[in-house]
PDB file of all heavy atoms in Angstrom:
ATOM      1  N   LEU A   1      26.953  80.761  55.693  1.00  0.00           N
ATOM      2  CA  LEU A   1      28.321  80.704  55.952  1.00  0.00           C
ATOM      3  C   LEU A   1      28.839  81.919  56.517  1.00  0.00           C
ATOM      4  O   LEU A   1      29.943  81.807  57.208  1.00  0.00           O
ATOM      5  CB  LEU A   1      29.035  80.485  54.479  1.00  0.00           C
ATOM      6  CG  LEU A   1      28.580  79.270  53.699  1.00  0.00           C
ATOM      7  CD1 LEU A   1      29.629  79.109  52.461  1.00  0.00           C
ATOM      8  CD2 LEU A   1      28.613  77.950  54.517  1.00  0.00           C
ATOM      9  N   VAL A   2      28.258  83.086  56.373  1.00  0.00           N
ATOM     10  CA  VAL A   2      28.714  84.376  57.036  1.00  0.00           C
ATOM     11  C   VAL A   2      27.413  84.922  57.596  1.00  0.00           C
ATOM     12  O   VAL A   2      26.488  85.231  56.899  1.00  0.00           O
ATOM     13  CB  VAL A   2      29.376  85.316  55.988  1.00  0.00           C
ATOM     14  CG1 VAL A   2      29.793  86.530  56.803  1.00  0.00           C
ATOM     15  CG2 VAL A   2      30.678  84.521  55.462  1.00  0.00           C
ATOM     16  N   GLU A   3      27.351  85.288  58.947  1.00  0.00           N
ATOM     17  CA  GLU A   3      26.369  85.992  59.515  1.00  0.00           C
ATOM     18  C   GLU A   3      26.838  87.281  60.023  1.00  0.00           C
ATOM     19  O   GLU A   3      27.768  87.350  60.854  1.00  0.00           O
ATOM     20  CB  GLU A   3      25.759  85.042  60.654  1.00  0.00           C
ATOM     21  CG  GLU A   3      24.597  85.588  61.269  1.00  0.00           C
ATOM     22  CD  GLU A   3      23.986  84.782  62.482  1.00  0.00           C
ATOM     23  OE1 GLU A   3      24.583  83.739  62.635  1.00  0.00           O
ATOM     24  OE2 GLU A   3      22.834  85.057  62.834  1.00  0.00           O
ATOM     25  N   PRO A   4      26.132  88.427  59.687  1.00  0.00           N
ATOM     26  CA  PRO A   4      26.537  89.687  60.254  1.00  0.00           C
ATOM     27  C   PRO A   4      26.370  89.725  61.805  1.00  0.00           C
ATOM     28  O   PRO A   4      25.508  89.080  62.387  1.00  0.00           O
ATOM     29  CB  PRO A   4      25.518  90.664  59.660  1.00  0.00           C
ATOM     30  CG  PRO A   4      24.981  89.951  58.423  1.00  0.00           C
ATOM     31  CD  PRO A   4      24.995  88.485  58.721  1.00  0.00           C
ATOM     32  N   ILE A   5      27.222  90.486  62.371  1.00  0.00           N
ATOM     33  CA  ILE A   5      27.063  90.747  63.851  1.00  0.00           C
ATOM     34  C   ILE A   5      25.786  91.520  64.222  1.00  0.00           C
ATOM     35  O   ILE A   5      25.086  91.000  65.226  1.00  0.00           O
ATOM     36  CB  ILE A   5      28.399  91.520  64.358  1.00  0.00           C
ATOM     37  CG1 ILE A   5      29.618  90.790  64.174  1.00  0.00           C
ATOM     38  CG2 ILE A   5      28.227  91.856  65.849  1.00  0.00           C
ATOM     39  CD1 ILE A   5      30.943  91.538  64.473  1.00  0.00           C
ATOM     40  N   LYS A   6      25.465  92.439  63.488  1.00  0.00           N
ATOM     41  CA  LYS A   6      24.245  93.160  63.761  1.00  0.00           C
ATOM     42  C   LYS A   6      23.243  92.762  62.614  1.00  0.00           C
ATOM     43  O   LYS A   6      23.520  92.946  61.530  1.00  0.00           O
ATOM     44  CB  LYS A   6      24.395  94.672  63.711  1.00  0.00           C
ATOM     45  CG  LYS A   6      25.368  95.217  64.723  1.00  0.00           C
ATOM     46  CD  LYS A   6      25.462  96.714  64.744  1.00  0.00           C
ATOM     47  CE  LYS A   6      26.300  97.205  65.862  1.00  0.00           C
ATOM     48  NZ  LYS A   6      26.556  98.678  65.849  1.00  0.00           N
ATOM     49  N   CYS A   7      22.024  92.359  63.218  1.00  0.00           N
ATOM     50  CA  CYS A   7      21.054  91.902  62.240  1.00  0.00           C
ATOM     51  C   CYS A   7      20.384  93.162  61.670  1.00  0.00           C
ATOM     52  O   CYS A   7      20.175  94.257  62.351  1.00  0.00           O
ATOM     53  CB  CYS A   7      19.932  91.122  62.925  1.00  0.00           C
ATOM     54  SG  CYS A   7      20.418  89.548  63.467  1.00  0.00           S
ATOM     55  N   ARG A   8      20.043  93.146  60.371  1.00  0.00           N
ATOM     56  CA  ARG A   8      19.327  94.232  59.720  1.00  0.00           C
ATOM     57  C   ARG A   8      18.328  93.679  58.650  1.00  0.00           C
ATOM     58  O   ARG A   8      18.411  92.580  58.194  1.00  0.00           O
ATOM     59  CB  ARG A   8      20.323  95.147  59.096  1.00  0.00           C
ATOM     60  CG  ARG A   8      21.071  94.545  57.825  1.00  0.00           C
ATOM     61  CD  ARG A   8      22.143  95.471  57.346  1.00  0.00           C
ATOM     62  NE  ARG A   8      22.876  95.072  56.147  1.00  0.00           N
ATOM     63  CZ  ARG A   8      24.034  95.527  55.590  1.00  0.00           C
ATOM     64  NH1 ARG A   8      24.648  96.364  56.361  1.00  0.00           N
ATOM     65  NH2 ARG A   8      24.421  95.091  54.447  1.00  0.00           N
ATOM     66  N   PRO A   9      17.356  94.538  58.360  1.00  0.00           N
ATOM     67  CA  PRO A   9      16.366  93.974  57.393  1.00  0.00           C
ATOM     68  C   PRO A   9      17.030  93.648  56.022  1.00  0.00           C
ATOM     69  O   PRO A   9      17.869  94.318  55.699  1.00  0.00           O
ATOM     70  CB  PRO A   9      15.449  95.123  57.204  1.00  0.00           C
ATOM     71  CG  PRO A   9      15.522  96.016  58.477  1.00  0.00           C
ATOM     72  CD  PRO A   9      16.991  95.783  58.835  1.00  0.00           C
ATOM     73  N   ILE A  10      16.538  92.674  55.405  1.00  0.00           N
ATOM     74  CA  ILE A  10      17.057  92.190  54.110  1.00  0.00           C
ATOM     75  C   ILE A  10      16.293  93.007  53.011  1.00  0.00           C
ATOM     76  O   ILE A  10      15.091  92.810  52.752  1.00  0.00           O
ATOM     77  CB  ILE A  10      16.868  90.727  53.910  1.00  0.00           C
ATOM     78  CG1 ILE A  10      17.709  89.996  54.999  1.00  0.00           C
ATOM     79  CG2 ILE A  10      17.424  90.381  52.580  1.00  0.00           C
ATOM     80  CD1 ILE A  10      19.036  90.158  55.091  1.00  0.00           C
ATOM     81  N   LYS A  11      17.158  93.922  52.380  1.00  0.00           N
ATOM     82  CA  LYS A  11      16.386  94.729  51.271  1.00  0.00           C
ATOM     83  C   LYS A  11      16.943  94.305  49.918  1.00  0.00           C
ATOM     84  O   LYS A  11      16.294  94.481  48.935  1.00  0.00           O
ATOM     85  CB  LYS A  11      16.744  96.250  51.603  1.00  0.00           C
ATOM     86  CG  LYS A  11      16.090  96.713  52.905  1.00  0.00           C
ATOM     87  CD  LYS A  11      16.329  98.311  53.086  1.00  0.00           C
ATOM     88  CE  LYS A  11      15.818  98.695  54.315  1.00  0.00           C
ATOM     89  NZ  LYS A  11      16.156 100.155  54.687  1.00  0.00           N
ATOM     90  N   THR A  12      18.202  93.903  49.864  1.00  0.00           N
ATOM     91  CA  THR A  12      18.838  93.594  48.557  1.00  0.00           C
ATOM     92  C   THR A  12      19.521  92.195  48.617  1.00  0.00           C
ATOM     93  O   THR A  12      20.330  92.094  49.576  1.00  0.00           O
ATOM     94  CB  THR A  12      19.828  94.642  48.094  1.00  0.00           C
ATOM     95  OG1 THR A  12      19.053  95.973  48.113  1.00  0.00           O
ATOM     96  CG2 THR A  12      20.314  94.374  46.747  1.00  0.00           C
ATOM     97  N   ILE A  13      19.234  91.382  47.773  1.00  0.00           N
ATOM     98  CA  ILE A  13      19.884  90.031  47.752  1.00  0.00           C
ATOM     99  C   ILE A  13      20.557  89.961  46.299  1.00  0.00           C
ATOM    100  O   ILE A  13      20.051  90.287  45.214  1.00  0.00           O
ATOM    101  CB  ILE A  13      18.917  88.947  47.735  1.00  0.00           C
ATOM    102  CG1 ILE A  13      18.125  88.896  49.121  1.00  0.00           C
ATOM    103  CG2 ILE A  13      19.473  87.522  47.543  1.00  0.00           C
ATOM    104  CD1 ILE A  13      17.102  87.932  49.290  1.00  0.00           C
ATOM    105  N   LEU A  14      21.788  89.487  46.234  1.00  0.00           N
ATOM    106  CA  LEU A  14      22.592  89.392  45.064  1.00  0.00           C
ATOM    107  C   LEU A  14      22.779  87.934  44.837  1.00  0.00           C
ATOM    108  O   LEU A  14      23.380  87.199  45.688  1.00  0.00           O
ATOM    109  CB  LEU A  14      23.996  90.056  45.236  1.00  0.00           C
ATOM    110  CG  LEU A  14      24.838  90.036  44.052  1.00  0.00           C
ATOM    111  CD1 LEU A  14      24.157  90.792  42.906  1.00  0.00           C
ATOM    112  CD2 LEU A  14      26.224  90.683  44.290  1.00  0.00           C
ATOM    113  N   LEU A  15      22.441  87.408  43.760  1.00  0.00           N
ATOM    114  CA  LEU A  15      22.607  86.014  43.321  1.00  0.00           C
ATOM    115  C   LEU A  15      23.939  85.891  42.448  1.00  0.00           C
ATOM    116  O   LEU A  15      24.034  86.633  41.402  1.00  0.00           O
ATOM    117  CB  LEU A  15      21.455  85.476  42.448  1.00  0.00           C
ATOM    118  CG  LEU A  15      20.107  85.461  43.175  1.00  0.00           C
ATOM    119  CD1 LEU A  15      19.029  84.857  42.206  1.00  0.00           C
ATOM    120  CD2 LEU A  15      20.092  84.684  44.481  1.00  0.00           C
ATOM    121  N   THR A  16      24.731  84.878  42.828  1.00  0.00           N
ATOM    122  CA  THR A  16      25.986  84.734  42.043  1.00  0.00           C
ATOM    123  C   THR A  16      26.276  83.260  41.963  1.00  0.00           C
ATOM    124  O   THR A  16      25.881  82.532  42.867  1.00  0.00           O
ATOM    125  CB  THR A  16      27.110  85.513  42.438  1.00  0.00           C
ATOM    126  OG1 THR A  16      28.269  85.298  41.790  1.00  0.00           O
ATOM    127  CG2 THR A  16      27.582  85.073  43.998  1.00  0.00           C
ATOM    128  N   ASN A  17      26.981  82.863  40.927  1.00  0.00           N
ATOM    129  CA  ASN A  17      27.430  81.403  40.805  1.00  0.00           C
ATOM    130  C   ASN A  17      28.714  81.218  41.713  1.00  0.00           C
ATOM    131  O   ASN A  17      28.781  80.216  42.379  1.00  0.00           O
ATOM    132  CB  ASN A  17      27.684  80.986  39.436  1.00  0.00           C
ATOM    133  CG  ASN A  17      27.691  79.557  39.298  1.00  0.00           C
ATOM    134  OD1 ASN A  17      26.691  78.957  39.118  1.00  0.00           O
ATOM    135  ND2 ASN A  17      28.889  78.906  39.244  1.00  0.00           N
ATOM    136  N   ASP A  18      29.616  82.268  41.708  1.00  0.00           N
ATOM    137  CA  ASP A  18      30.839  82.194  42.425  1.00  0.00           C
ATOM    138  C   ASP A  18      30.965  83.545  43.206  1.00  0.00           C
ATOM    139  O   ASP A  18      30.824  84.580  42.537  1.00  0.00           O
ATOM    140  CB  ASP A  18      31.996  81.902  41.613  1.00  0.00           C
ATOM    141  CG  ASP A  18      32.031  80.609  41.014  1.00  0.00           C
ATOM    142  OD1 ASP A  18      32.296  79.596  41.809  1.00  0.00           O
ATOM    143  OD2 ASP A  18      31.772  80.408  39.763  1.00  0.00           O
ATOM    144  N   LEU A  19      31.419  83.455  44.320  1.00  0.00           N
ATOM    145  CA  LEU A  19      31.723  84.786  45.056  1.00  0.00           C
ATOM    146  C   LEU A  19      33.244  85.075  44.896  1.00  0.00           C
ATOM    147  O   LEU A  19      34.096  84.395  45.417  1.00  0.00           O
ATOM    148  CB  LEU A  19      31.522  84.566  46.578  1.00  0.00           C
ATOM    149  CG  LEU A  19      31.699  85.818  47.415  1.00  0.00           C
ATOM    150  CD1 LEU A  19      30.948  87.085  46.846  1.00  0.00           C
ATOM    151  CD2 LEU A  19      31.331  85.606  48.913  1.00  0.00           C
ATOM    152  N   THR A  20      33.550  86.105  44.202  1.00  0.00           N
ATOM    153  CA  THR A  20      34.817  86.546  43.914  1.00  0.00           C
ATOM    154  C   THR A  20      35.065  87.950  44.337  1.00  0.00           C
ATOM    155  O   THR A  20      34.182  88.627  44.886  1.00  0.00           O
ATOM    156  CB  THR A  20      35.147  86.473  42.332  1.00  0.00           C
ATOM    157  OG1 THR A  20      34.232  87.329  41.607  1.00  0.00           O
ATOM    158  CG2 THR A  20      34.927  85.090  41.799  1.00  0.00           C
ATOM    159  N   ASP A  21      36.323  88.445  44.205  1.00  0.00           N
ATOM    160  CA  ASP A  21      36.617  89.718  44.675  1.00  0.00           C
ATOM    161  C   ASP A  21      35.757  90.779  43.891  1.00  0.00           C
ATOM    162  O   ASP A  21      35.165  91.795  44.418  1.00  0.00           O
ATOM    163  CB  ASP A  21      38.114  90.153  44.427  1.00  0.00           C
ATOM    164  CG  ASP A  21      38.944  89.671  45.620  1.00  0.00           C
ATOM    165  OD1 ASP A  21      38.645  89.921  46.762  1.00  0.00           O
ATOM    166  OD2 ASP A  21      39.980  89.077  45.242  1.00  0.00           O
ATOM    167  N   SER A  22      35.529  90.627  42.490  1.00  0.00           N
ATOM    168  CA  SER A  22      34.731  91.575  41.759  1.00  0.00           C
ATOM    169  C   SER A  22      33.256  91.430  42.103  1.00  0.00           C
ATOM    170  O   SER A  22      32.546  92.470  42.137  1.00  0.00           O
ATOM    171  CB  SER A  22      34.941  91.219  40.242  1.00  0.00           C
ATOM    172  OG  SER A  22      34.599  89.976  39.981  1.00  0.00           O
ATOM    173  N   VAL A  23      32.798  90.261  42.451  1.00  0.00           N
ATOM    174  CA  VAL A  23      31.350  90.127  42.878  1.00  0.00           C
ATOM    175  C   VAL A  23      31.065  90.823  44.211  1.00  0.00           C
ATOM    176  O   VAL A  23      30.251  91.485  44.453  1.00  0.00           O
ATOM    177  CB  VAL A  23      30.922  88.651  42.854  1.00  0.00           C
ATOM    178  CG1 VAL A  23      29.614  88.480  43.625  1.00  0.00           C
ATOM    179  CG2 VAL A  23      30.999  88.075  41.546  1.00  0.00           C
ATOM    180  N   MET A  24      32.198  90.623  45.124  1.00  0.00           N
ATOM    181  CA  MET A  24      32.018  91.263  46.386  1.00  0.00           C
ATOM    182  C   MET A  24      32.123  92.832  46.363  1.00  0.00           C
ATOM    183  O   MET A  24      31.321  93.575  47.000  1.00  0.00           O
ATOM    184  CB  MET A  24      33.292  90.861  47.367  1.00  0.00           C
ATOM    185  CG  MET A  24      33.258  91.480  48.745  1.00  0.00           C
ATOM    186  SD  MET A  24      31.674  91.204  49.643  1.00  0.00           S
ATOM    187  CE  MET A  24      31.943  89.477  50.054  1.00  0.00           C
ATOM    188  N   SER A  25      32.846  93.363  45.390  1.00  0.00           N
ATOM    189  CA  SER A  25      32.832  94.820  45.131  1.00  0.00           C
ATOM    190  C   SER A  25      31.495  95.308  44.658  1.00  0.00           C
ATOM    191  O   SER A  25      31.016  96.321  45.091  1.00  0.00           O
ATOM    192  CB  SER A  25      34.021  95.198  44.209  1.00  0.00           C
ATOM    193  OG  SER A  25      35.316  94.928  44.645  1.00  0.00           O
ATOM    194  N   GLU A  26      30.958  94.428  43.735  1.00  0.00           N
ATOM    195  CA  GLU A  26      29.672  94.754  43.241  1.00  0.00           C
ATOM    196  C   GLU A  26      28.597  94.745  44.406  1.00  0.00           C
ATOM    197  O   GLU A  26      27.758  95.601  44.464  1.00  0.00           O
ATOM    198  CB  GLU A  26      29.182  93.647  42.312  1.00  0.00           C
ATOM    199  CG  GLU A  26      27.804  93.865  41.596  1.00  0.00           C
ATOM    200  CD  GLU A  26      27.620  92.718  40.615  1.00  0.00           C
ATOM    201  OE1 GLU A  26      28.210  91.649  40.818  1.00  0.00           O
ATOM    202  OE2 GLU A  26      26.718  92.906  39.865  1.00  0.00           O
ATOM    203  N   ALA A  27      28.721  93.780  45.369  1.00  0.00           N
ATOM    204  CA  ALA A  27      27.709  93.699  46.426  1.00  0.00           C
ATOM    205  C   ALA A  27      27.892  94.915  47.417  1.00  0.00           C
ATOM    206  O   ALA A  27      26.853  95.500  47.874  1.00  0.00           O
ATOM    207  CB  ALA A  27      28.046  92.372  47.200  1.00  0.00           C
ATOM    208  N   GLU A  28      29.139  95.362  47.643  1.00  0.00           N
ATOM    209  CA  GLU A  28      29.461  96.496  48.475  1.00  0.00           C
ATOM    210  C   GLU A  28      28.956  97.714  47.865  1.00  0.00           C
ATOM    211  O   GLU A  28      28.198  98.604  48.573  1.00  0.00           O
ATOM    212  CB  GLU A  28      30.930  96.647  48.751  1.00  0.00           C
ATOM    213  CG  GLU A  28      31.505  95.487  49.584  1.00  0.00           C
ATOM    214  CD  GLU A  28      32.959  95.514  49.557  1.00  0.00           C
ATOM    215  OE1 GLU A  28      33.581  95.880  48.645  1.00  0.00           O
ATOM    216  OE2 GLU A  28      33.547  94.921  50.523  1.00  0.00           O
ATOM    217  N   ALA A  29      29.071  97.845  46.565  1.00  0.00           N
ATOM    218  CA  ALA A  29      28.697  99.095  45.855  1.00  0.00           C
ATOM    219  C   ALA A  29      27.107  99.242  45.915  1.00  0.00           C
ATOM    220  O   ALA A  29      26.595 100.367  45.904  1.00  0.00           O
ATOM    221  CB  ALA A  29      29.072  99.059  44.476  1.00  0.00           C
ATOM    222  N   MET A  30      26.370  98.123  45.900  1.00  0.00           N
ATOM    223  CA  MET A  30      24.818  98.120  45.860  1.00  0.00           C
ATOM    224  C   MET A  30      24.228  98.022  47.283  1.00  0.00           C
ATOM    225  O   MET A  30      22.973  97.951  47.418  1.00  0.00           O
ATOM    226  CB  MET A  30      24.376  97.067  44.981  1.00  0.00           C
ATOM    227  CG  MET A  30      24.565  95.684  45.363  1.00  0.00           C
ATOM    228  SD  MET A  30      24.328  94.365  44.120  1.00  0.00           S
ATOM    229  CE  MET A  30      22.505  94.691  43.829  1.00  0.00           C
ATOM    230  N   ASN A  31      25.131  98.065  48.319  1.00  0.00           N
ATOM    231  CA  ASN A  31      24.638  97.997  49.652  1.00  0.00           C
ATOM    232  C   ASN A  31      23.891  96.702  49.941  1.00  0.00           C
ATOM    233  O   ASN A  31      22.795  96.795  50.500  1.00  0.00           O
ATOM    234  CB  ASN A  31      23.814  99.256  50.095  1.00  0.00           C
ATOM    235  CG  ASN A  31      24.573 100.567  50.181  1.00  0.00           C
ATOM    236  OD1 ASN A  31      25.752 100.501  50.641  1.00  0.00           O
ATOM    237  ND2 ASN A  31      23.991 101.606  49.601  1.00  0.00           N
ATOM    238  N   CYS A  32      24.440  95.690  49.433  1.00  0.00           N
ATOM    239  CA  CYS A  32      23.702  94.356  49.434  1.00  0.00           C
ATOM    240  C   CYS A  32      23.638  93.844  50.969  1.00  0.00           C
ATOM    241  O   CYS A  32      24.523  94.100  51.707  1.00  0.00           O
ATOM    242  CB  CYS A  32      24.523  93.290  48.656  1.00  0.00           C
ATOM    243  SG  CYS A  32      23.926  91.719  48.663  1.00  0.00           S
ATOM    244  N   ASP A  33      22.548  93.176  51.209  1.00  0.00           N
ATOM    245  CA  ASP A  33      22.439  92.552  52.673  1.00  0.00           C
ATOM    246  C   ASP A  33      22.654  91.100  52.598  1.00  0.00           C
ATOM    247  O   ASP A  33      23.045  90.597  53.723  1.00  0.00           O
ATOM    248  CB  ASP A  33      20.983  92.926  53.017  1.00  0.00           C
ATOM    249  CG  ASP A  33      20.689  94.369  53.142  1.00  0.00           C
ATOM    250  OD1 ASP A  33      21.253  95.153  53.681  1.00  0.00           O
ATOM    251  OD2 ASP A  33      19.725  94.766  52.274  1.00  0.00           O
TER     252      ASP A  33
END
C-alpha cells in the first residue's frame, strides 16, 4: 500500500493488527523498514 521512494534493504519488519498513530511512532522509533 505504501512504497518508499528510495529502496533500502529490509532489516526490521513490524507486525501489527492495525496501523495507528501509536504503532507508527513505534515503527519510527525502531527504524522499521
